Structure formats: structure tokens, C-alpha cells
């Protein structure tokens, strides 16, 4: 597949990239090269190869879903402009 200058302008427009008319031939060559690589990949024989979803076929350990206060209220409230005990004080927004 070969892209023409109008298609390169359309791709740039869709990507919200401003390109000068002088840059179109260079971008056209680069995009055509990328499409050539994709066409090469289409020719690779992948018969019998399982699709990979990641580099390792393992499950991540699950942590216990426990509700906690974090155990560090002093660190959390250290930069609070105003506080009352272990709580943030905020301006009243409802009369």
C-alpha cells in the first residue's frame, strides 16, 4: 500500500499535527516504510503459536481487600491548611 500526499495530509489532520507542505514527501516516505513493515509481518507464519497477552504467563497475587485509615494520619495531614484532630477542615459550602 502506498500513501499519496492527500492521505498524508488527512492523517496529519486526524492526528491534529500541523505539517508544512515541504514536509509531506518526507512523511509520505516514512509512513510508506511503516506500512511496508506491517505488510512484512502479515507474511509471517504464526500457525500453532499461542497469542501472548504478556511476557510471563502468570497471575499476580491478590492482596486482601481491607478497609484501613492508612495508619499515617500525621503524614497525611502534615500539609493541611487547617485541621481538627485527624480531619481536614474545609469551608462550608452549603448554607
Protein backbone atom coordinates (compact mmCIF):
# COMPACT_ATOMS: atom_id res chain seq x y z
CA UNK A 1 0.00 0.00 0.00
CA UNK A 2 1.31 3.43 -0.89
CA UNK A 3 0.05 6.66 0.56
CA UNK A 4 -0.45 9.75 -1.56
CA UNK A 5 0.10 13.35 -0.32
CA UNK A 6 -3.64 13.87 0.25
CA UNK A 7 -3.75 10.85 2.57
CA UNK A 8 -0.69 12.12 4.47
CA UNK A 9 -2.45 15.47 4.97
CA UNK A 10 -5.58 13.65 6.17
CA UNK A 11 -3.58 11.55 8.66
CA UNK A 12 -1.89 14.70 9.97
CA UNK A 13 -5.28 16.39 10.31
CA UNK A 14 -6.74 13.43 12.21
CA UNK A 15 -3.68 13.37 14.48
CA UNK A 16 -4.03 17.13 14.99
CA UNK A 17 -0.48 17.65 13.72
CA UNK A 18 0.38 20.75 11.72
CA UNK A 19 2.74 19.91 8.87
CA UNK A 20 4.25 22.18 6.27
CA UNK A 21 3.92 21.32 2.57
CA UNK A 22 7.71 20.84 2.42
CA UNK A 23 7.48 18.01 4.99
CA UNK A 24 4.85 15.97 3.14
CA UNK A 25 7.25 13.99 0.89
CA UNK A 26 9.44 13.02 3.88
CA UNK A 27 6.42 11.96 5.96
CA UNK A 28 4.96 10.12 2.98
CA UNK A 29 8.17 8.08 2.68
CA UNK A 30 8.26 7.36 6.42
CA UNK A 31 4.62 6.27 6.55
CA UNK A 32 5.04 4.10 3.45
CA UNK A 33 8.04 2.46 5.16
CA UNK A 34 5.99 1.73 8.27
CA UNK A 35 3.20 0.23 6.17
CA UNK A 36 5.81 -1.90 4.39
CA UNK A 37 6.93 -3.34 7.74
CA UNK A 38 3.32 -4.13 8.62
CA UNK A 39 2.92 -5.95 5.29
CA UNK A 40 6.06 -7.98 6.10
CA UNK A 41 4.52 -9.02 9.42
CA UNK A 42 1.44 -10.25 7.59
CA UNK A 43 3.67 -12.76 5.79
CA UNK A 44 4.98 -14.38 8.99
CA UNK A 45 3.74 -17.94 9.60
CA UNK A 46 2.13 -17.99 13.06
CA UNK A 47 0.33 -21.32 12.69
CA UNK A 48 0.21 -23.07 16.06
CA UNK A 49 1.59 -20.12 18.04
CA UNK A 50 -0.50 -19.15 21.06
CA UNK A 51 -1.27 -15.43 21.32
CA UNK A 52 0.60 -13.70 24.14
CA UNK A 53 -1.09 -11.29 26.48
CA UNK A 54 2.10 -10.57 28.39
CA UNK A 55 5.73 -11.57 28.78
CA UNK A 56 5.04 -14.10 31.51
CA UNK A 57 2.11 -16.47 31.75
CA UNK A 58 1.40 -15.97 35.44
CA UNK A 59 -1.26 -14.50 37.68
CA UNK A 60 -0.48 -11.62 40.03
CA UNK A 61 -1.01 -12.26 43.72
CA UNK A 62 -4.15 -10.69 45.08
CA UNK A 63 -3.95 -8.59 48.24
CA UNK A 64 -6.60 -8.69 50.91
CA UNK A 65 -9.30 -6.08 50.36
CA UNK A 66 -9.27 -4.46 53.79
CA UNK A 67 -10.50 -1.01 54.79
CA UNK A 68 -7.87 0.90 56.76
CA UNK A 69 -7.11 4.51 57.62
CA UNK A 70 -3.64 4.11 56.16
CA UNK A 71 -2.03 4.23 59.57
CA UNK A 72 -0.26 7.54 58.84
CA UNK A 73 -2.72 10.35 59.64
CA UNK A 74 0.05 12.69 60.82
CA UNK A 75 1.88 12.43 57.48
CA UNK A 76 -1.33 12.86 55.51
CA UNK A 77 -2.45 15.92 57.48
CA UNK A 78 1.02 17.50 57.73
CA UNK A 79 0.34 19.96 54.88
CA UNK A 80 -3.31 20.60 55.64
CA UNK A 81 -4.03 24.35 55.85
CA UNK A 82 -6.41 23.68 58.75
CA UNK A 83 -7.28 20.54 60.64
CA UNK A 84 -9.37 19.40 63.57
CA UNK A 85 -7.92 16.28 65.16
CA UNK A 86 -7.43 13.69 62.42
CA UNK A 87 -9.70 15.53 59.94
CA UNK A 88 -9.32 18.21 57.27
CA UNK A 89 -11.24 21.43 57.92
CA UNK A 90 -12.87 22.79 54.78
CA UNK A 91 -15.00 25.87 54.16
CA UNK A 92 -18.75 25.48 54.47
CA UNK A 93 -20.29 25.28 51.01
CA UNK A 94 -23.97 24.81 51.89
CA UNK A 95 -25.90 27.47 53.80
